[in-house]
Amino acid sequence: MQFKPQFGEVKGNIARAFALIERKSADLWVLPELFSTGYLFASRSDLLELAEPVPEGRTTRALLEFARDRGTFLVAGLAERDGAKVYNSAVVAGPGGFIGRYRKLHLFGKEKVWFDPGDLPLEPFLLDRVKIGVMICFDHFFPEVARTLSLRGAQLICHPANLVLPGMGQLSMRVRAMENRVFTVTANRIGEEARGGEVLRFTGESQVVTPDGAVLSRASRDREEAKAVEVELERALDKRITRYNDLFADRRPDFYVLWA
């Protein structure tokens, strides 16, 4: 799902997001990064005012209620407050309740000023019998994120995003899908935000990508949209490239650099 949240309008943003997806049927919905708050914070206090605890905060509670009532799973980005720290996070919710959270590891631009870097391990979440991974926006520039999730069994990687570099995230997530033979779902936002003398324009083009890097579905650059497509997640269990080559079995980790 992609849409244009209004900065600081948490209640309205949640309502708008749900209005876009409630008339469609899907087992899993992926919503953008920071979907309930907007993106362009002007100060740390600005962020602290809107950040919420997880799972007690109103955004997570709304996601849990929607997931329960609709019998669906949700991955959605929000600003998470944990004591004195604030993370750019994504929540995973399902019909049975709260499943988990991911905190963005690689902060982009002024996020490095306002947010604390993520501190949770890259572990997939089990949804029924399917394993999904979660990464957020700028994480797409770091292939180690998708590779780690894939090596740990993720069949589909959910990618809430607020992409501002035209085409880059859409392209790299196709590569992340192909080089790991997994599905990827990028939920971007549209429109622009202007605050504190800064203007950001978001690129839309949310997409679902297959394990061979093909775009199964892509949204527009500038319209609010919710798309539901069917995927065969069993394909992500097959890592064979040719009859002689298996993507993971052929790895040579003893030759790879394992230090910073």
C-alpha atoms as a PDB file:
ATOM      1  CA  MET A   1       0.000   0.000   0.000  1.00  0.00           C
ATOM      2  CA  GLN A   2       1.261   3.472  -0.819  1.00  0.00           C
ATOM      3  CA  PHE A   3      -0.262   6.765   0.202  1.00  0.00           C
ATOM      4  CA  LYS A   4       0.521  10.326   1.276  1.00  0.00           C
ATOM      5  CA  PRO A   5       0.448  10.682   5.062  1.00  0.00           C
ATOM      6  CA  GLN A   6       0.029  14.129   6.583  1.00  0.00           C
ATOM      7  CA  PHE A   7       2.818  14.995   8.996  1.00  0.00           C
ATOM      8  CA  GLY A   8       1.767  14.630  12.626  1.00  0.00           C
ATOM      9  CA  GLU A   9      -1.811  13.577  11.842  1.00  0.00           C
ATOM     10  CA  VAL A  10      -1.553  10.128  13.410  1.00  0.00           C
ATOM     11  CA  LYS A  11      -5.261   9.406  13.761  1.00  0.00           C
ATOM     12  CA  GLY A  12      -6.048  10.571  10.233  1.00  0.00           C
ATOM     13  CA  ASN A  13      -3.109   8.708   8.699  1.00  0.00           C
ATOM     14  CA  ILE A  14      -4.136   5.445  10.324  1.00  0.00           C
ATOM     15  CA  ALA A  15      -7.714   5.914   9.145  1.00  0.00           C
ATOM     16  CA  ARG A  16      -6.613   6.735   5.587  1.00  0.00           C
ATOM     17  CA  ALA A  17      -4.296   3.730   5.417  1.00  0.00           C
ATOM     18  CA  PHE A  18      -7.017   1.362   6.601  1.00  0.00           C
ATOM     19  CA  ALA A  19      -9.541   2.881   4.196  1.00  0.00           C
ATOM     20  CA  LEU A  20      -7.238   2.006   1.301  1.00  0.00           C
ATOM     21  CA  ILE A  21      -6.868  -1.662   2.233  1.00  0.00           C
ATOM     22  CA  GLU A  22     -10.097  -2.598   3.998  1.00  0.00           C
ATOM     23  CA  ARG A  23     -12.044  -3.218   0.780  1.00  0.00           C
ATOM     24  CA  LYS A  24      -9.461  -5.660  -0.568  1.00  0.00           C
ATOM     25  CA  SER A  25      -8.586  -9.137   0.622  1.00  0.00           C
ATOM     26  CA  ALA A  26      -5.013 -10.174   1.376  1.00  0.00           C
ATOM     27  CA  ASP A  27      -3.171 -12.477   3.763  1.00  0.00           C
ATOM     28  CA  LEU A  28      -0.463  -9.859   4.299  1.00  0.00           C
ATOM     29  CA  TRP A  29      -0.395  -6.082   3.891  1.00  0.00           C
ATOM     30  CA  VAL A  30       2.805  -4.026   3.861  1.00  0.00           C
ATOM     31  CA  LEU A  31       2.491  -0.325   4.727  1.00  0.00           C
ATOM     32  CA  PRO A  32       5.146   2.395   4.288  1.00  0.00           C
ATOM     33  CA  GLU A  33       7.877   3.512   6.672  1.00  0.00           C
ATOM     34  CA  LEU A  34       6.626   5.922   9.391  1.00  0.00           C
ATOM     35  CA  PHE A  35       3.142   5.632   7.909  1.00  0.00           C
ATOM     36  CA  SER A  36       1.312   7.082  10.898  1.00  0.00           C
ATOM     37  CA  THR A  37       3.489  10.145  11.578  1.00  0.00           C
ATOM     38  CA  GLY A  38       5.024  11.296   8.322  1.00  0.00           C
ATOM     39  CA  TYR A  39       8.769  11.493   7.822  1.00  0.00           C
ATOM     40  CA  LEU A  40      10.345  14.947   7.967  1.00  0.00           C
ATOM     41  CA  PHE A  41      10.994  15.668  11.641  1.00  0.00           C
ATOM     42  CA  ALA A  42      12.522  19.038  12.467  1.00  0.00           C
ATOM     43  CA  SER A  43      13.990  18.212  15.880  1.00  0.00           C
ATOM     44  CA  ARG A  44      14.467  15.434  18.388  1.00  0.00           C
ATOM     45  CA  SER A  45      11.656  16.892  20.513  1.00  0.00           C
ATOM     46  CA  ASP A  46       9.470  16.888  17.388  1.00  0.00           C
ATOM     47  CA  LEU A  47      10.096  13.167  17.103  1.00  0.00           C
ATOM     48  CA  LEU A  48       9.679  12.415  20.802  1.00  0.00           C
ATOM     49  CA  GLU A  49       6.262  14.051  20.739  1.00  0.00           C
ATOM     50  CA  LEU A  50       5.009  11.623  18.065  1.00  0.00           C
ATOM     51  CA  ALA A  51       6.910   8.437  18.896  1.00  0.00           C
ATOM     52  CA  GLU A  52       4.979   5.684  20.681  1.00  0.00           C
ATOM     53  CA  PRO A  53       5.797   2.604  22.737  1.00  0.00           C
ATOM     54  CA  VAL A  54       5.379  -0.782  21.068  1.00  0.00           C
ATOM     55  CA  PRO A  55       3.065  -2.630  21.405  1.00  0.00           C
ATOM     56  CA  GLU A  56       1.221  -0.322  23.837  1.00  0.00           C
ATOM     57  CA  GLY A  57       1.005   2.747  21.583  1.00  0.00           C
ATOM     58  CA  ARG A  58      -2.110   3.737  19.666  1.00  0.00           C
ATOM     59  CA  THR A  59      -0.670   2.948  16.236  1.00  0.00           C
ATOM     60  CA  THR A  60       0.268  -0.610  17.174  1.00  0.00           C
ATOM     61  CA  ARG A  61      -3.053  -1.089  18.945  1.00  0.00           C
ATOM     62  CA  ALA A  62      -4.885   0.069  15.818  1.00  0.00           C
ATOM     63  CA  LEU A  63      -2.839  -2.328  13.677  1.00  0.00           C
ATOM     64  CA  LEU A  64      -3.576  -5.207  16.045  1.00  0.00           C
ATOM     65  CA  GLU A  65      -7.297  -4.463  16.019  1.00  0.00           C
ATOM     66  CA  PHE A  66      -7.395  -4.281  12.222  1.00  0.00           C
ATOM     67  CA  ALA A  67      -5.405  -7.524  11.883  1.00  0.00           C
ATOM     68  CA  ARG A  68      -7.722  -9.317  14.307  1.00  0.00           C
ATOM     69  CA  ASP A  69     -10.947  -8.035  12.763  1.00  0.00           C
ATOM     70  CA  ARG A  70      -9.869  -8.693   9.159  1.00  0.00           C
ATOM     71  CA  GLY A  71      -7.971 -11.930   9.752  1.00  0.00           C
ATOM     72  CA  THR A  72      -4.852 -10.552   8.089  1.00  0.00           C
ATOM     73  CA  PHE A  73      -1.177  -9.861   8.806  1.00  0.00           C
ATOM     74  CA  LEU A  74       0.331  -6.377   8.704  1.00  0.00           C
ATOM     75  CA  VAL A  75       3.857  -4.977   8.485  1.00  0.00           C
ATOM     76  CA  ALA A  76       3.893  -1.217   9.075  1.00  0.00           C
ATOM     77  CA  GLY A  77       6.509   1.422   9.835  1.00  0.00           C
ATOM     78  CA  LEU A  78       6.270   3.751  12.839  1.00  0.00           C
ATOM     79  CA  ALA A  79       8.323   5.815  15.276  1.00  0.00           C
ATOM     80  CA  GLU A  80       8.946   3.686  18.369  1.00  0.00           C
ATOM     81  CA  ARG A  81       9.814   5.169  21.740  1.00  0.00           C
ATOM     82  CA  ASP A  82      11.574   2.921  24.250  1.00  0.00           C
ATOM     83  CA  GLY A  83      12.588   4.861  27.338  1.00  0.00           C
ATOM     84  CA  ALA A  84      14.922   7.658  26.256  1.00  0.00           C
ATOM     85  CA  LYS A  85      15.547   6.052  22.859  1.00  0.00           C
ATOM     86  CA  VAL A  86      13.549   6.399  19.649  1.00  0.00           C
ATOM     87  CA  TYR A  87      13.747   3.959  16.755  1.00  0.00           C
ATOM     88  CA  ASN A  88      12.562   3.960  13.170  1.00  0.00           C
ATOM     89  CA  SER A  89      10.710   0.681  13.498  1.00  0.00           C
ATOM     90  CA  ALA A  90       8.303  -1.669  11.794  1.00  0.00           C
ATOM     91  CA  VAL A  91       5.650  -3.673  13.613  1.00  0.00           C
ATOM     92  CA  VAL A  92       4.443  -7.131  12.585  1.00  0.00           C
ATOM     93  CA  ALA A  93       0.839  -7.811  13.624  1.00  0.00           C
ATOM     94  CA  GLY A  94      -1.470 -10.726  12.952  1.00  0.00           C
ATOM     95  CA  PRO A  95      -4.916 -12.119  13.733  1.00  0.00           C
ATOM     96  CA  GLY A  96      -3.536 -13.647  16.914  1.00  0.00           C
ATOM     97  CA  GLY A  97      -1.910 -10.445  18.154  1.00  0.00           C
ATOM     98  CA  PHE A  98       1.522  -8.827  18.284  1.00  0.00           C
ATOM     99  CA  ILE A  99       4.229 -10.841  16.517  1.00  0.00           C
ATOM    100  CA  GLY A 100       7.288  -8.631  16.719  1.00  0.00           C
ATOM    101  CA  ARG A 101       9.182  -5.542  15.663  1.00  0.00           C
ATOM    102  CA  TYR A 102      12.224  -4.589  13.631  1.00  0.00           C
ATOM    103  CA  ARG A 103      14.329  -1.484  14.260  1.00  0.00           C
ATOM    104  CA  LYS A 104      16.017   0.106  11.246  1.00  0.00           C
ATOM    105  CA  LEU A 105      19.739  -0.629  11.263  1.00  0.00           C
ATOM    106  CA  HIS A 106      20.929   1.846   8.616  1.00  0.00           C
ATOM    107  CA  LEU A 107      19.690   5.387   9.195  1.00  0.00           C
ATOM    108  CA  PHE A 108      19.456   7.751   6.214  1.00  0.00           C
ATOM    109  CA  GLY A 109      20.288  11.462   6.174  1.00  0.00           C
ATOM    110  CA  LYS A 110      18.965  13.396   9.175  1.00  0.00           C
ATOM    111  CA  GLU A 111      17.532  10.203  10.625  1.00  0.00           C
ATOM    112  CA  LYS A 112      21.049   9.845  12.075  1.00  0.00           C
ATOM    113  CA  VAL A 113      20.395  13.036  14.067  1.00  0.00           C
ATOM    114  CA  TRP A 114      16.897  12.235  15.344  1.00  0.00           C
ATOM    115  CA  PHE A 115      16.729   8.425  15.685  1.00  0.00           C
ATOM    116  CA  ASP A 116      18.770   5.848  17.552  1.00  0.00           C
ATOM    117  CA  PRO A 117      20.216   3.051  15.375  1.00  0.00           C
ATOM    118  CA  GLY A 118      18.461  -0.294  15.491  1.00  0.00           C
ATOM    119  CA  ASP A 119      19.653  -2.851  18.023  1.00  0.00           C
ATOM    120  CA  LEU A 120      17.672  -6.014  17.246  1.00  0.00           C
ATOM    121  CA  PRO A 121      19.001  -9.056  15.357  1.00  0.00           C
ATOM    122  CA  LEU A 122      17.951  -9.823  11.799  1.00  0.00           C
ATOM    123  CA  GLU A 123      15.546 -12.685  12.447  1.00  0.00           C
ATOM    124  CA  PRO A 124      12.575 -13.706  10.267  1.00  0.00           C
ATOM    125  CA  PHE A 125       9.062 -13.799  11.696  1.00  0.00           C
ATOM    126  CA  LEU A 126       6.864 -16.868  11.330  1.00  0.00           C
ATOM    127  CA  LEU A 127       3.396 -16.148   9.913  1.00  0.00           C
ATOM    128  CA  ASP A 128       1.479 -19.407   9.957  1.00  0.00           C
ATOM    129  CA  ARG A 129       3.860 -21.622   7.971  1.00  0.00           C
ATOM    130  CA  VAL A 130       5.693 -18.839   6.132  1.00  0.00           C
ATOM    131  CA  LYS A 131       8.808 -16.951   7.209  1.00  0.00           C
ATOM    132  CA  ILE A 132       9.051 -13.251   6.379  1.00  0.00           C
ATOM    133  CA  GLY A 133      11.908 -10.829   6.881  1.00  0.00           C
ATOM    134  CA  VAL A 134      11.605  -7.096   7.527  1.00  0.00           C
ATOM    135  CA  MET A 135      13.926  -4.284   6.505  1.00  0.00           C
ATOM    136  CA  ILE A 136      13.286  -0.546   6.259  1.00  0.00           C
ATOM    137  CA  CYS A 137      14.044   1.846   3.391  1.00  0.00           C
ATOM    138  CA  PHE A 138      17.833   2.619   3.324  1.00  0.00           C
ATOM    139  CA  ASP A 139      18.579  -0.938   4.486  1.00  0.00           C
ATOM    140  CA  HIS A 140      18.191  -1.808   0.787  1.00  0.00           C
ATOM    141  CA  PHE A 141      21.672  -0.384   0.108  1.00  0.00           C
ATOM    142  CA  PHE A 142      23.220  -3.042   2.350  1.00  0.00           C
ATOM    143  CA  PRO A 143      22.991  -6.511   0.764  1.00  0.00           C
ATOM    144  CA  GLU A 144      24.000  -8.101   4.055  1.00  0.00           C
ATOM    145  CA  VAL A 145      20.532  -7.381   5.459  1.00  0.00           C
ATOM    146  CA  ALA A 146      18.573  -9.298   2.833  1.00  0.00           C
ATOM    147  CA  ARG A 147      21.211 -12.061   2.686  1.00  0.00           C
ATOM    148  CA  THR A 148      21.113 -12.593   6.451  1.00  0.00           C
ATOM    149  CA  LEU A 149      17.316 -12.763   6.483  1.00  0.00           C
ATOM    150  CA  SER A 150      17.339 -15.152   3.538  1.00  0.00           C
ATOM    151  CA  LEU A 151      19.979 -17.435   5.030  1.00  0.00           C
ATOM    152  CA  ARG A 152      17.799 -17.599   8.117  1.00  0.00           C
ATOM    153  CA  GLY A 153      14.846 -18.822   6.102  1.00  0.00           C
ATOM    154  CA  ALA A 154      12.890 -15.756   4.983  1.00  0.00           C
ATOM    155  CA  GLN A 155      10.814 -16.503   1.881  1.00  0.00           C
ATOM    156  CA  LEU A 156       9.530 -12.963   1.505  1.00  0.00           C
ATOM    157  CA  ILE A 157      11.146  -9.690   2.601  1.00  0.00           C
ATOM    158  CA  CYS A 158       8.863  -6.798   3.546  1.00  0.00           C
ATOM    159  CA  HIS A 159      10.349  -3.372   2.904  1.00  0.00           C
ATOM    160  CA  PRO A 160       8.435  -0.395   4.329  1.00  0.00           C
ATOM    161  CA  ALA A 161      10.031   2.675   2.752  1.00  0.00           C
ATOM    162  CA  ASN A 162      10.032   6.440   2.229  1.00  0.00           C
ATOM    163  CA  LEU A 163      12.265   6.434  -0.838  1.00  0.00           C
ATOM    164  CA  VAL A 164      13.494   9.786  -2.162  1.00  0.00           C
ATOM    165  CA  LEU A 165      16.231   8.711  -4.612  1.00  0.00           C
ATOM    166  CA  PRO A 166      14.358   8.083  -7.893  1.00  0.00           C
ATOM    167  CA  GLY A 167      14.434   4.455  -8.995  1.00  0.00           C
ATOM    168  CA  MET A 168      17.266   3.343  -6.705  1.00  0.00           C
ATOM    169  CA  GLY A 169      15.324   1.428  -4.083  1.00  0.00           C
ATOM    170  CA  GLN A 170      13.045  -0.119  -6.676  1.00  0.00           C
ATOM    171  CA  LEU A 171      16.077  -1.377  -8.621  1.00  0.00           C
ATOM    172  CA  SER A 172      18.104  -2.600  -5.661  1.00  0.00           C
ATOM    173  CA  MET A 173      15.149  -4.523  -4.232  1.00  0.00           C
ATOM    174  CA  ARG A 174      14.869  -6.370  -7.524  1.00  0.00           C
ATOM    175  CA  VAL A 175      18.531  -7.299  -7.113  1.00  0.00           C
ATOM    176  CA  ARG A 176      18.020  -8.272  -3.451  1.00  0.00           C
ATOM    177  CA  ALA A 177      15.216 -10.604  -4.597  1.00  0.00           C
ATOM    178  CA  MET A 178      17.276 -12.140  -7.401  1.00  0.00           C
ATOM    179  CA  GLU A 179      20.529 -12.594  -5.471  1.00  0.00           C
ATOM    180  CA  ASN A 180      18.687 -14.366  -2.640  1.00  0.00           C
ATOM    181  CA  ARG A 181      15.886 -15.986  -4.637  1.00  0.00           C
ATOM    182  CA  VAL A 182      13.170 -14.568  -2.395  1.00  0.00           C
ATOM    183  CA  PHE A 183      10.106 -12.386  -2.925  1.00  0.00           C
ATOM    184  CA  THR A 184      10.368  -8.735  -1.909  1.00  0.00           C
ATOM    185  CA  VAL A 185       7.569  -6.254  -1.208  1.00  0.00           C
ATOM    186  CA  THR A 186       8.423  -2.551  -1.102  1.00  0.00           C
ATOM    187  CA  ALA A 187       5.699  -0.262   0.282  1.00  0.00           C
ATOM    188  CA  ASN A 188       6.770   3.297  -0.515  1.00  0.00           C
ATOM    189  CA  ARG A 189       4.936   6.605  -0.055  1.00  0.00           C
ATOM    190  CA  ILE A 190       4.101   9.430  -2.432  1.00  0.00           C
ATOM    191  CA  GLY A 191       3.909  13.226  -2.309  1.00  0.00           C
ATOM    192  CA  GLU A 192       6.274  15.640  -0.625  1.00  0.00           C
ATOM    193  CA  GLU A 193       6.939  17.074   2.811  1.00  0.00           C
ATOM    194  CA  ALA A 194       8.318  20.564   3.477  1.00  0.00           C
ATOM    195  CA  ARG A 195       9.384  21.355   7.028  1.00  0.00           C
ATOM    196  CA  GLY A 196      12.236  23.243   8.653  1.00  0.00           C
ATOM    197  CA  GLY A 197      13.411  24.682   5.358  1.00  0.00           C
ATOM    198  CA  GLU A 198      13.798  21.231   3.794  1.00  0.00           C
ATOM    199  CA  VAL A 199      11.695  19.621   1.060  1.00  0.00           C
ATOM    200  CA  LEU A 200      11.570  15.889   0.330  1.00  0.00           C
ATOM    201  CA  ARG A 201       9.779  14.302  -2.617  1.00  0.00           C
ATOM    202  CA  PHE A 202       8.870  10.642  -2.374  1.00  0.00           C
ATOM    203  CA  THR A 203       9.020   8.352  -5.385  1.00  0.00           C
ATOM    204  CA  GLY A 204       6.077   5.954  -5.084  1.00  0.00           C
ATOM    205  CA  GLU A 205       6.321   2.911  -7.383  1.00  0.00           C
ATOM    206  CA  SER A 206       5.721   0.399  -4.622  1.00  0.00           C
ATOM    207  CA  GLN A 207       6.324  -3.107  -5.954  1.00  0.00           C
ATOM    208  CA  VAL A 208       6.215  -6.850  -5.506  1.00  0.00           C
ATOM    209  CA  VAL A 209       9.199  -8.715  -6.965  1.00  0.00           C
ATOM    210  CA  THR A 210       9.664 -12.432  -7.672  1.00  0.00           C
ATOM    211  CA  PRO A 211      12.741 -14.541  -6.829  1.00  0.00           C
ATOM    212  CA  ASP A 212      14.088 -14.095 -10.375  1.00  0.00           C
ATOM    213  CA  GLY A 213      13.965 -10.298 -10.055  1.00  0.00           C
ATOM    214  CA  ALA A 214      10.845  -9.755 -12.146  1.00  0.00           C
ATOM    215  CA  VAL A 215       8.361  -7.069 -11.093  1.00  0.00           C
ATOM    216  CA  LEU A 216       5.072  -8.842 -10.450  1.00  0.00           C
ATOM    217  CA  SER A 217       3.220  -5.643  -9.586  1.00  0.00           C
ATOM    218  CA  ARG A 218       4.182  -1.979  -9.447  1.00  0.00           C
ATOM    219  CA  ALA A 219       2.194   1.067  -8.349  1.00  0.00           C
ATOM    220  CA  SER A 220       2.295   4.545  -9.877  1.00  0.00           C
ATOM    221  CA  ARG A 221       4.655   7.346  -8.921  1.00  0.00           C
ATOM    222  CA  ASP A 222       2.019   9.690  -7.585  1.00  0.00           C
ATOM    223  CA  ARG A 223      -1.269   7.974  -6.686  1.00  0.00           C
ATOM    224  CA  GLU A 224      -2.514   6.417  -3.489  1.00  0.00           C
ATOM    225  CA  GLU A 225      -2.934   2.714  -4.231  1.00  0.00           C
ATOM    226  CA  ALA A 226      -3.419  -0.653  -2.601  1.00  0.00           C
ATOM    227  CA  LYS A 227      -2.632  -3.727  -4.676  1.00  0.00           C
ATOM    228  CA  ALA A 228      -3.051  -7.379  -3.744  1.00  0.00           C
ATOM    229  CA  VAL A 229      -1.267 -10.045  -5.785  1.00  0.00           C
ATOM    230  CA  GLU A 230      -0.896 -13.780  -5.312  1.00  0.00           C
ATOM    231  CA  VAL A 231       2.586 -15.248  -4.913  1.00  0.00           C
ATOM    232  CA  GLU A 232       3.823 -18.843  -4.766  1.00  0.00           C
ATOM    233  CA  LEU A 233       6.069 -18.643  -1.735  1.00  0.00           C
ATOM    234  CA  GLU A 234       7.317 -22.195  -2.254  1.00  0.00           C
ATOM    235  CA  ARG A 235       9.436 -20.781  -5.089  1.00  0.00           C
ATOM    236  CA  ALA A 236      11.587 -19.032  -2.502  1.00  0.00           C
ATOM    237  CA  LEU A 237      12.594 -22.391  -1.031  1.00  0.00           C
ATOM    238  CA  ASP A 238      14.300 -23.434  -4.265  1.00  0.00           C
ATOM    239  CA  LYS A 239      17.805 -21.928  -4.446  1.00  0.00           C
ATOM    240  CA  ARG A 240      18.909 -23.802  -7.562  1.00  0.00           C
ATOM    241  CA  ILE A 241      20.282 -21.661 -10.400  1.00  0.00           C
ATOM    242  CA  THR A 242      21.228 -24.534 -12.727  1.00  0.00           C
ATOM    243  CA  ARG A 243      21.309 -28.309 -12.281  1.00  0.00           C
ATOM    244  CA  TYR A 244      24.865 -27.837 -10.966  1.00  0.00           C
ATOM    245  CA  ASN A 245      24.422 -24.678  -8.908  1.00  0.00           C
ATOM    246  CA  ASP A 246      22.616 -23.961  -5.665  1.00  0.00           C
ATOM    247  CA  LEU A 247      22.745 -20.331  -4.574  1.00  0.00           C
ATOM    248  CA  PHE A 248      23.388 -21.019  -0.910  1.00  0.00           C
ATOM    249  CA  ALA A 249      25.224 -24.341  -1.173  1.00  0.00           C
ATOM    250  CA  ASP A 250      27.763 -22.731  -3.542  1.00  0.00           C
ATOM    251  CA  ARG A 251      28.682 -19.953  -1.147  1.00  0.00           C
ATOM    252  CA  ARG A 252      32.350 -19.738  -0.064  1.00  0.00           C
ATOM    253  CA  PRO A 253      32.127 -17.919   3.282  1.00  0.00           C
ATOM    254  CA  ASP A 254      35.695 -18.894   4.196  1.00  0.00           C
ATOM    255  CA  PHE A 255      36.830 -16.370   1.547  1.00  0.00           C
ATOM    256  CA  TYR A 256      34.426 -13.568   2.492  1.00  0.00           C
ATOM    257  CA  VAL A 257      35.348 -10.561   4.614  1.00  0.00           C
ATOM    258  CA  LEU A 258      33.684 -10.993   7.982  1.00  0.00           C
ATOM    259  CA  TRP A 259      34.923  -7.859   9.737  1.00  0.00           C
ATOM    260  CA  ALA A 260      34.164  -4.169   9.415  1.00  0.00           C
END
